[in-house]
Amino acid sequence: MVADYQQSAGTMRDAASNRNHSQPGDPAKAAQAIVKITSEAEPPLRLQLGADCVERVEAKIRAVRTELDRWRSLATSTDHEDVHAH
């Protein structure tokens, strides 16, 4: 490890090593899920594995929806007038 990276990448490496084998998910089941999507005609662009991951993504979606709703009129105010005429 390069000493200059100990505070950034080194910290992340240490955290990953310390959590190894204590994850809530089952790595064998995760591997099965990954293999399963390889045979799908339209596999997901993003695959959440584990209830904890699904919960985080759902929270992010709610936050983005709330922010979009709050700022929708400002966001769409930058369109040309004829965009909404169709």
PDB file of N, CA and C in Angstrom:
ATOM      1  N   MET A   1       0.851  -1.182   0.000  1.00  0.00           N
ATOM      2  CA  MET A   1       0.000   0.000   0.000  1.00  0.00           C
ATOM      3  C   MET A   1       0.890   1.236   0.000  1.00  0.00           C
ATOM      4  N   VAL A   2       0.585   2.165  -0.878  1.00  0.00           N
ATOM      5  CA  VAL A   2       1.293   3.436  -0.933  1.00  0.00           C
ATOM      6  C   VAL A   2       0.819   4.289   0.235  1.00  0.00           C
ATOM      7  N   ALA A   3       1.727   4.810   1.011  1.00  0.00           N
ATOM      8  CA  ALA A   3       1.391   5.565   2.224  1.00  0.00           C
ATOM      9  C   ALA A   3       0.446   6.733   1.940  1.00  0.00           C
ATOM     10  N   ASP A   4       0.582   7.367   0.784  1.00  0.00           N
ATOM     11  CA  ASP A   4      -0.273   8.513   0.444  1.00  0.00           C
ATOM     12  C   ASP A   4      -1.746   8.135   0.353  1.00  0.00           C
ATOM     13  N   TYR A   5      -2.035   6.868   0.116  1.00  0.00           N
ATOM     14  CA  TYR A   5      -3.417   6.420  -0.038  1.00  0.00           C
ATOM     15  C   TYR A   5      -3.986   5.774   1.223  1.00  0.00           C
ATOM     16  N   GLN A   6      -3.215   5.707   2.285  1.00  0.00           N
ATOM     17  CA  GLN A   6      -3.683   5.039   3.492  1.00  0.00           C
ATOM     18  C   GLN A   6      -4.952   5.683   4.055  1.00  0.00           C
ATOM     19  N   GLN A   7      -5.080   6.994   3.994  1.00  0.00           N
ATOM     20  CA  GLN A   7      -6.245   7.677   4.550  1.00  0.00           C
ATOM     21  C   GLN A   7      -7.506   7.491   3.706  1.00  0.00           C
ATOM     22  N   SER A   8      -7.355   7.184   2.426  1.00  0.00           N
ATOM     23  CA  SER A   8      -8.540   7.020   1.575  1.00  0.00           C
ATOM     24  C   SER A   8      -8.755   5.549   1.219  1.00  0.00           C
ATOM     25  N   ALA A   9      -8.044   5.080   0.239  1.00  0.00           N
ATOM     26  CA  ALA A   9      -8.210   3.692  -0.211  1.00  0.00           C
ATOM     27  C   ALA A   9      -7.837   2.705   0.887  1.00  0.00           C
ATOM     28  N   GLY A  10      -6.841   3.023   1.675  1.00  0.00           N
ATOM     29  CA  GLY A  10      -6.431   2.137   2.767  1.00  0.00           C
ATOM     30  C   GLY A  10      -7.526   1.968   3.797  1.00  0.00           C
ATOM     31  N   THR A  11      -8.211   3.050   4.114  1.00  0.00           N
ATOM     32  CA  THR A  11      -9.318   2.996   5.067  1.00  0.00           C
ATOM     33  C   THR A  11     -10.440   2.114   4.533  1.00  0.00           C
ATOM     34  N   MET A  12     -10.752   2.248   3.265  1.00  0.00           N
ATOM     35  CA  MET A  12     -11.803   1.425   2.662  1.00  0.00           C
ATOM     36  C   MET A  12     -11.387  -0.045   2.632  1.00  0.00           C
ATOM     37  N   ARG A  13     -10.128  -0.299   2.313  1.00  0.00           N
ATOM     38  CA  ARG A  13      -9.642  -1.685   2.295  1.00  0.00           C
ATOM     39  C   ARG A  13      -9.733  -2.309   3.679  1.00  0.00           C
ATOM     40  N   ASP A  14      -9.337  -1.563   4.689  1.00  0.00           N
ATOM     41  CA  ASP A  14      -9.401  -2.063   6.067  1.00  0.00           C
ATOM     42  C   ASP A  14     -10.848  -2.347   6.470  1.00  0.00           C
ATOM     43  N   ALA A  15     -11.751  -1.440   6.122  1.00  0.00           N
ATOM     44  CA  ALA A  15     -13.162  -1.623   6.473  1.00  0.00           C
ATOM     45  C   ALA A  15     -13.726  -2.871   5.798  1.00  0.00           C
ATOM     46  N   ALA A  16     -13.383  -3.076   4.536  1.00  0.00           N
ATOM     47  CA  ALA A  16     -13.862  -4.260   3.820  1.00  0.00           C
ATOM     48  C   ALA A  16     -13.306  -5.532   4.449  1.00  0.00           C
ATOM     49  N   SER A  17     -12.044  -5.515   4.806  1.00  0.00           N
ATOM     50  CA  SER A  17     -11.431  -6.687   5.435  1.00  0.00           C
ATOM     51  C   SER A  17     -12.063  -6.986   6.786  1.00  0.00           C
ATOM     52  N   ASN A  18     -12.351  -5.947   7.543  1.00  0.00           N
ATOM     53  CA  ASN A  18     -12.934  -6.137   8.870  1.00  0.00           C
ATOM     54  C   ASN A  18     -14.364  -6.662   8.806  1.00  0.00           C
ATOM     55  N   ARG A  19     -15.092  -6.342   7.745  1.00  0.00           N
ATOM     56  CA  ARG A  19     -16.485  -6.794   7.602  1.00  0.00           C
ATOM     57  C   ARG A  19     -16.592  -8.148   6.920  1.00  0.00           C
ATOM     58  N   ASN A  20     -15.508  -8.604   6.307  1.00  0.00           N
ATOM     59  CA  ASN A  20     -15.557  -9.848   5.566  1.00  0.00           C
ATOM     60  C   ASN A  20     -16.052 -10.988   6.455  1.00  0.00           C
ATOM     61  N   HIS A  21     -16.947 -11.765   5.921  1.00  0.00           N
ATOM     62  CA  HIS A  21     -17.575 -12.909   6.589  1.00  0.00           C
ATOM     63  C   HIS A  21     -18.590 -12.506   7.653  1.00  0.00           C
ATOM     64  N   SER A  22     -18.930 -11.231   7.722  1.00  0.00           N
ATOM     65  CA  SER A  22     -19.971 -10.810   8.659  1.00  0.00           C
ATOM     66  C   SER A  22     -21.103 -10.080   7.937  1.00  0.00           C
ATOM     67  N   GLN A  23     -21.123 -10.177   6.605  1.00  0.00           N
ATOM     68  CA  GLN A  23     -22.171  -9.538   5.821  1.00  0.00           C
ATOM     69  C   GLN A  23     -23.502 -10.231   6.100  1.00  0.00           C
ATOM     70  N   PRO A  24     -24.595  -9.467   5.987  1.00  0.00           N
ATOM     71  CA  PRO A  24     -25.907 -10.070   6.238  1.00  0.00           C
ATOM     72  C   PRO A  24     -26.325 -11.051   5.146  1.00  0.00           C
ATOM     73  N   GLY A  25     -25.774 -10.907   3.963  1.00  0.00           N
ATOM     74  CA  GLY A  25     -26.178 -11.766   2.853  1.00  0.00           C
ATOM     75  C   GLY A  25     -25.371 -13.041   2.764  1.00  0.00           C
ATOM     76  N   ASP A  26     -25.884 -13.962   1.972  1.00  0.00           N
ATOM     77  CA  ASP A  26     -25.238 -15.253   1.739  1.00  0.00           C
ATOM     78  C   ASP A  26     -24.528 -15.182   0.384  1.00  0.00           C
ATOM     79  N   PRO A  27     -23.200 -15.205   0.362  1.00  0.00           N
ATOM     80  CA  PRO A  27     -22.462 -15.089  -0.905  1.00  0.00           C
ATOM     81  C   PRO A  27     -22.834 -16.169  -1.927  1.00  0.00           C
ATOM     82  N   ALA A  28     -23.146 -17.372  -1.469  1.00  0.00           N
ATOM     83  CA  ALA A  28     -23.527 -18.441  -2.401  1.00  0.00           C
ATOM     84  C   ALA A  28     -24.852 -18.113  -3.082  1.00  0.00           C
ATOM     85  N   LYS A  29     -25.795 -17.560  -2.315  1.00  0.00           N
ATOM     86  CA  LYS A  29     -27.086 -17.167  -2.894  1.00  0.00           C
ATOM     87  C   LYS A  29     -26.902 -15.982  -3.852  1.00  0.00           C
ATOM     88  N   ALA A  30     -26.004 -15.077  -3.509  1.00  0.00           N
ATOM     89  CA  ALA A  30     -25.727 -13.942  -4.389  1.00  0.00           C
ATOM     90  C   ALA A  30     -25.153 -14.436  -5.707  1.00  0.00           C
ATOM     91  N   ALA A  31     -24.227 -15.389  -5.636  1.00  0.00           N
ATOM     92  CA  ALA A  31     -23.641 -15.950  -6.854  1.00  0.00           C
ATOM     93  C   ALA A  31     -24.716 -16.625  -7.706  1.00  0.00           C
ATOM     94  N   GLN A  32     -25.624 -17.346  -7.070  1.00  0.00           N
ATOM     95  CA  GLN A  32     -26.720 -17.993  -7.808  1.00  0.00           C
ATOM     96  C   GLN A  32     -27.588 -16.952  -8.513  1.00  0.00           C
ATOM     97  N   ALA A  33     -27.873 -15.858  -7.831  1.00  0.00           N
ATOM     98  CA  ALA A  33     -28.697 -14.799  -8.429  1.00  0.00           C
ATOM     99  C   ALA A  33     -27.985 -14.178  -9.624  1.00  0.00           C
ATOM    100  N   ILE A  34     -26.693 -13.959  -9.500  1.00  0.00           N
ATOM    101  CA  ILE A  34     -25.916 -13.373 -10.601  1.00  0.00           C
ATOM    102  C   ILE A  34     -25.890 -14.319 -11.790  1.00  0.00           C
ATOM    103  N   VAL A  35     -25.673 -15.604 -11.534  1.00  0.00           N
ATOM    104  CA  VAL A  35     -25.683 -16.586 -12.614  1.00  0.00           C
ATOM    105  C   VAL A  35     -27.062 -16.623 -13.271  1.00  0.00           C
ATOM    106  N   LYS A  36     -28.115 -16.553 -12.477  1.00  0.00           N
ATOM    107  CA  LYS A  36     -29.479 -16.610 -13.001  1.00  0.00           C
ATOM    108  C   LYS A  36     -29.748 -15.486 -13.997  1.00  0.00           C
ATOM    109  N   ILE A  37     -29.310 -14.278 -13.703  1.00  0.00           N
ATOM    110  CA  ILE A  37     -29.618 -13.172 -14.618  1.00  0.00           C
ATOM    111  C   ILE A  37     -28.825 -13.253 -15.918  1.00  0.00           C
ATOM    112  N   THR A  38     -27.741 -14.039 -15.943  1.00  0.00           N
ATOM    113  CA  THR A  38     -26.972 -14.144 -17.191  1.00  0.00           C
ATOM    114  C   THR A  38     -27.751 -14.845 -18.285  1.00  0.00           C
ATOM    115  N   SER A  39     -28.776 -15.606 -17.923  1.00  0.00           N
ATOM    116  CA  SER A  39     -29.580 -16.294 -18.939  1.00  0.00           C
ATOM    117  C   SER A  39     -30.847 -15.527 -19.297  1.00  0.00           C
ATOM    118  N   GLU A  40     -31.054 -14.375 -18.675  1.00  0.00           N
ATOM    119  CA  GLU A  40     -32.233 -13.558 -18.966  1.00  0.00           C
ATOM    120  C   GLU A  40     -32.045 -12.799 -20.274  1.00  0.00           C
ATOM    121  N   ALA A  41     -33.102 -12.701 -21.046  1.00  0.00           N
ATOM    122  CA  ALA A  41     -33.049 -11.949 -22.302  1.00  0.00           C
ATOM    123  C   ALA A  41     -32.804 -10.468 -22.037  1.00  0.00           C
ATOM    124  N   GLU A  42     -33.399  -9.952 -20.974  1.00  0.00           N
ATOM    125  CA  GLU A  42     -33.226  -8.549 -20.605  1.00  0.00           C
ATOM    126  C   GLU A  42     -32.841  -8.471 -19.133  1.00  0.00           C
ATOM    127  N   PRO A  43     -31.569  -8.719 -18.825  1.00  0.00           N
ATOM    128  CA  PRO A  43     -31.144  -8.671 -17.418  1.00  0.00           C
ATOM    129  C   PRO A  43     -31.217  -7.243 -16.889  1.00  0.00           C
ATOM    130  N   PRO A  44     -31.339  -7.097 -15.592  1.00  0.00           N
ATOM    131  CA  PRO A  44     -31.413  -5.741 -15.025  1.00  0.00           C
ATOM    132  C   PRO A  44     -30.106  -4.991 -15.224  1.00  0.00           C
ATOM    133  N   LEU A  45     -30.228  -3.694 -15.406  1.00  0.00           N
ATOM    134  CA  LEU A  45     -29.040  -2.845 -15.498  1.00  0.00           C
ATOM    135  C   LEU A  45     -28.354  -2.771 -14.135  1.00  0.00           C
ATOM    136  N   ARG A  46     -29.165  -2.777 -13.095  1.00  0.00           N
ATOM    137  CA  ARG A  46     -28.664  -2.766 -11.721  1.00  0.00           C
ATOM    138  C   ARG A  46     -29.363  -3.897 -10.981  1.00  0.00           C
ATOM    139  N   LEU A  47     -28.611  -4.659 -10.215  1.00  0.00           N
ATOM    140  CA  LEU A  47     -29.196  -5.752  -9.464  1.00  0.00           C
ATOM    141  C   LEU A  47     -28.883  -5.565  -7.987  1.00  0.00           C
ATOM    142  N   GLN A  48     -29.911  -5.318  -7.205  1.00  0.00           N
ATOM    143  CA  GLN A  48     -29.737  -5.192  -5.767  1.00  0.00           C
ATOM    144  C   GLN A  48     -29.794  -6.583  -5.165  1.00  0.00           C
ATOM    145  N   LEU A  49     -28.823  -6.906  -4.347  1.00  0.00           N
ATOM    146  CA  LEU A  49     -28.784  -8.216  -3.707  1.00  0.00           C
ATOM    147  C   LEU A  49     -28.845  -8.021  -2.203  1.00  0.00           C
ATOM    148  N   GLY A  50     -29.898  -8.514  -1.610  1.00  0.00           N
ATOM    149  CA  GLY A  50     -30.087  -8.415  -0.165  1.00  0.00           C
ATOM    150  C   GLY A  50     -31.125  -7.370   0.188  1.00  0.00           C
ATOM    151  N   ALA A  51     -31.865  -7.669   1.252  1.00  0.00           N
ATOM    152  CA  ALA A  51     -32.915  -6.752   1.704  1.00  0.00           C
ATOM    153  C   ALA A  51     -32.341  -5.400   2.095  1.00  0.00           C
ATOM    154  N   ASP A  52     -31.135  -5.383   2.656  1.00  0.00           N
ATOM    155  CA  ASP A  52     -30.527  -4.116   3.053  1.00  0.00           C
ATOM    156  C   ASP A  52     -30.268  -3.223   1.849  1.00  0.00           C
ATOM    157  N   CYS A  53     -29.833  -3.816   0.764  1.00  0.00           N
ATOM    158  CA  CYS A  53     -29.577  -3.054  -0.457  1.00  0.00           C
ATOM    159  C   CYS A  53     -30.886  -2.554  -1.066  1.00  0.00           C
ATOM    160  N   VAL A  54     -31.888  -3.404  -1.091  1.00  0.00           N
ATOM    161  CA  VAL A  54     -33.200  -3.010  -1.625  1.00  0.00           C
ATOM    162  C   VAL A  54     -33.751  -1.835  -0.822  1.00  0.00           C
ATOM    163  N   GLU A  55     -33.643  -1.889   0.491  1.00  0.00           N
ATOM    164  CA  GLU A  55     -34.127  -0.792   1.345  1.00  0.00           C
ATOM    165  C   GLU A  55     -33.393   0.510   1.054  1.00  0.00           C
ATOM    166  N   ARG A  56     -32.087   0.439   0.853  1.00  0.00           N
ATOM    167  CA  ARG A  56     -31.320   1.657   0.553  1.00  0.00           C
ATOM    168  C   ARG A  56     -31.732   2.260  -0.778  1.00  0.00           C
ATOM    169  N   VAL A  57     -31.934   1.415  -1.778  1.00  0.00           N
ATOM    170  CA  VAL A  57     -32.340   1.916  -3.090  1.00  0.00           C
ATOM    171  C   VAL A  57     -33.744   2.509  -3.020  1.00  0.00           C
ATOM    172  N   GLU A  58     -34.647   1.855  -2.295  1.00  0.00           N
ATOM    173  CA  GLU A  58     -36.000   2.408  -2.148  1.00  0.00           C
ATOM    174  C   GLU A  58     -35.970   3.754  -1.442  1.00  0.00           C
ATOM    175  N   ALA A  59     -35.118   3.912  -0.444  1.00  0.00           N
ATOM    176  CA  ALA A  59     -34.982   5.195   0.246  1.00  0.00           C
ATOM    177  C   ALA A  59     -34.453   6.258  -0.710  1.00  0.00           C
ATOM    178  N   LYS A  60     -33.504   5.893  -1.551  1.00  0.00           N
ATOM    179  CA  LYS A  60     -32.946   6.832  -2.532  1.00  0.00           C
ATOM    180  C   LYS A  60     -34.014   7.252  -3.534  1.00  0.00           C
ATOM    181  N   ILE A  61     -34.811   6.293  -3.995  1.00  0.00           N
ATOM    182  CA  ILE A  61     -35.886   6.601  -4.946  1.00  0.00           C
ATOM    183  C   ILE A  61     -36.879   7.575  -4.319  1.00  0.00           C
ATOM    184  N   ARG A  62     -37.247   7.343  -3.057  1.00  0.00           N
ATOM    185  CA  ARG A  62     -38.173   8.266  -2.378  1.00  0.00           C
ATOM    186  C   ARG A  62     -37.566   9.666  -2.273  1.00  0.00           C
ATOM    187  N   ALA A  63     -36.282   9.738  -1.949  1.00  0.00           N
ATOM    188  CA  ALA A  63     -35.623  11.046  -1.812  1.00  0.00           C
ATOM    189  C   ALA A  63     -35.569  11.773  -3.150  1.00  0.00           C
ATOM    190  N   VAL A  64     -35.260  11.040  -4.214  1.00  0.00           N
ATOM    191  CA  VAL A  64     -35.204  11.666  -5.542  1.00  0.00           C
ATOM    192  C   VAL A  64     -36.596  12.121  -5.965  1.00  0.00           C
ATOM    193  N   ARG A  65     -37.636  11.305  -5.695  1.00  0.00           N
ATOM    194  CA  ARG A  65     -39.018  11.675  -6.038  1.00  0.00           C
ATOM    195  C   ARG A  65     -39.442  12.937  -5.300  1.00  0.00           C
ATOM    196  N   THR A  66     -39.122  13.006  -4.018  1.00  0.00           N
ATOM    197  CA  THR A  66     -39.475  14.179  -3.212  1.00  0.00           C
ATOM    198  C   THR A  66     -38.800  15.428  -3.753  1.00  0.00           C
ATOM    199  N   GLU A  67     -37.511  15.312  -4.070  1.00  0.00           N
ATOM    200  CA  GLU A  67     -36.776  16.456  -4.603  1.00  0.00           C
ATOM    201  C   GLU A  67     -37.311  16.862  -5.976  1.00  0.00           C
ATOM    202  N   LEU A  68     -37.592  15.883  -6.825  1.00  0.00           N
ATOM    203  CA  LEU A  68     -38.136  16.182  -8.150  1.00  0.00           C
ATOM    204  C   LEU A  68     -39.476  16.896  -8.042  1.00  0.00           C
ATOM    205  N   ASP A  69     -40.354  16.386  -7.180  1.00  0.00           N
ATOM    206  CA  ASP A  69     -41.654  17.026  -6.998  1.00  0.00           C
ATOM    207  C   ASP A  69     -41.508  18.458  -6.500  1.00  0.00           C
ATOM    208  N   ARG A  70     -40.578  18.662  -5.582  1.00  0.00           N
ATOM    209  CA  ARG A  70     -40.381  20.002  -5.016  1.00  0.00           C
ATOM    210  C   ARG A  70     -39.908  21.001  -6.067  1.00  0.00           C
ATOM    211  N   TRP A  71     -39.053  20.565  -6.975  1.00  0.00           N
ATOM    212  CA  TRP A  71     -38.433  21.492  -7.918  1.00  0.00           C
ATOM    213  C   TRP A  71     -38.930  21.335  -9.352  1.00  0.00           C
ATOM    214  N   ARG A  72     -39.998  20.555  -9.562  1.00  0.00           N
ATOM    215  CA  ARG A  72     -40.516  20.281 -10.904  1.00  0.00           C
ATOM    216  C   ARG A  72     -40.817  21.560 -11.695  1.00  0.00           C
ATOM    217  N   SER A  73     -41.525  22.491 -11.100  1.00  0.00           N
ATOM    218  CA  SER A  73     -41.909  23.688 -11.863  1.00  0.00           C
ATOM    219  C   SER A  73     -40.687  24.504 -12.266  1.00  0.00           C
ATOM    220  N   LEU A  74     -39.698  24.582 -11.415  1.00  0.00           N
ATOM    221  CA  LEU A  74     -38.479  25.301 -11.787  1.00  0.00           C
ATOM    222  C   LEU A  74     -37.738  24.535 -12.882  1.00  0.00           C
ATOM    223  N   ALA A  75     -37.655  23.226 -12.737  1.00  0.00           N
ATOM    224  CA  ALA A  75     -36.948  22.407 -13.725  1.00  0.00           C
ATOM    225  C   ALA A  75     -37.582  22.535 -15.104  1.00  0.00           C
ATOM    226  N   THR A  76     -38.902  22.485 -15.174  1.00  0.00           N
ATOM    227  CA  THR A  76     -39.574  22.549 -16.474  1.00  0.00           C
ATOM    228  C   THR A  76     -39.728  23.973 -16.987  1.00  0.00           C
ATOM    229  N   SER A  77     -39.470  24.960 -16.147  1.00  0.00           N
ATOM    230  CA  SER A  77     -39.588  26.360 -16.573  1.00  0.00           C
ATOM    231  C   SER A  77     -38.524  26.741 -17.587  1.00  0.00           C
ATOM    232  N   THR A  78     -37.522  25.911 -17.764  1.00  0.00           N
ATOM    233  CA  THR A  78     -36.440  26.239 -18.698  1.00  0.00           C
ATOM    234  C   THR A  78     -36.714  25.746 -20.112  1.00  0.00           C
ATOM    235  N   ASP A  79     -37.838  25.042 -20.312  1.00  0.00           N
ATOM    236  CA  ASP A  79     -38.189  24.535 -21.638  1.00  0.00           C
ATOM    237  C   ASP A  79     -38.661  25.668 -22.536  1.00  0.00           C
ATOM    238  N   HIS A  80     -38.565  25.446 -23.852  1.00  0.00           N
ATOM    239  CA  HIS A  80     -39.174  26.362 -24.807  1.00  0.00           C
ATOM    240  C   HIS A  80     -40.678  26.269 -24.645  1.00  0.00           C
ATOM    241  N   GLU A  81     -41.369  27.325 -24.910  1.00  0.00           N
ATOM    242  CA  GLU A  81     -42.827  27.351 -24.753  1.00  0.00           C
ATOM    243  C   GLU A  81     -43.521  26.289 -25.592  1.00  0.00           C
ATOM    244  N   ASP A  82     -43.007  26.012 -26.822  1.00  0.00           N
ATOM    245  CA  ASP A  82     -43.680  25.080 -27.715  1.00  0.00           C
ATOM    246  C   ASP A  82     -43.467  23.598 -27.338  1.00  0.00           C
ATOM    247  N   VAL A  83     -42.616  23.309 -26.371  1.00  0.00           N
ATOM    248  CA  VAL A  83     -42.380  21.918 -25.964  1.00  0.00           C
ATOM    249  C   VAL A  83     -43.647  21.304 -25.399  1.00  0.00           C
ATOM    250  N   HIS A  84     -44.436  22.067 -24.664  1.00  0.00           N
ATOM    251  CA  HIS A  84     -45.649  21.566 -24.022  1.00  0.00           C
ATOM    252  C   HIS A  84     -46.869  21.649 -24.926  1.00  0.00           C
ATOM    253  N   ALA A  85     -46.729  22.228 -26.102  1.00  0.00           N
ATOM    254  CA  ALA A  85     -47.865  22.413 -27.008  1.00  0.00           C
ATOM    255  C   ALA A  85     -48.264  21.128 -27.713  1.00  0.00           C
ATOM    256  N   HIS A  86     -47.393  20.130 -27.748  1.00  0.00           N
ATOM    257  CA  HIS A  86     -47.698  18.893 -28.487  1.00  0.00           C
ATOM    258  C   HIS A  86     -48.652  18.065 -27.780  1.00  0.00           C
TER     259      HIS A  86
END
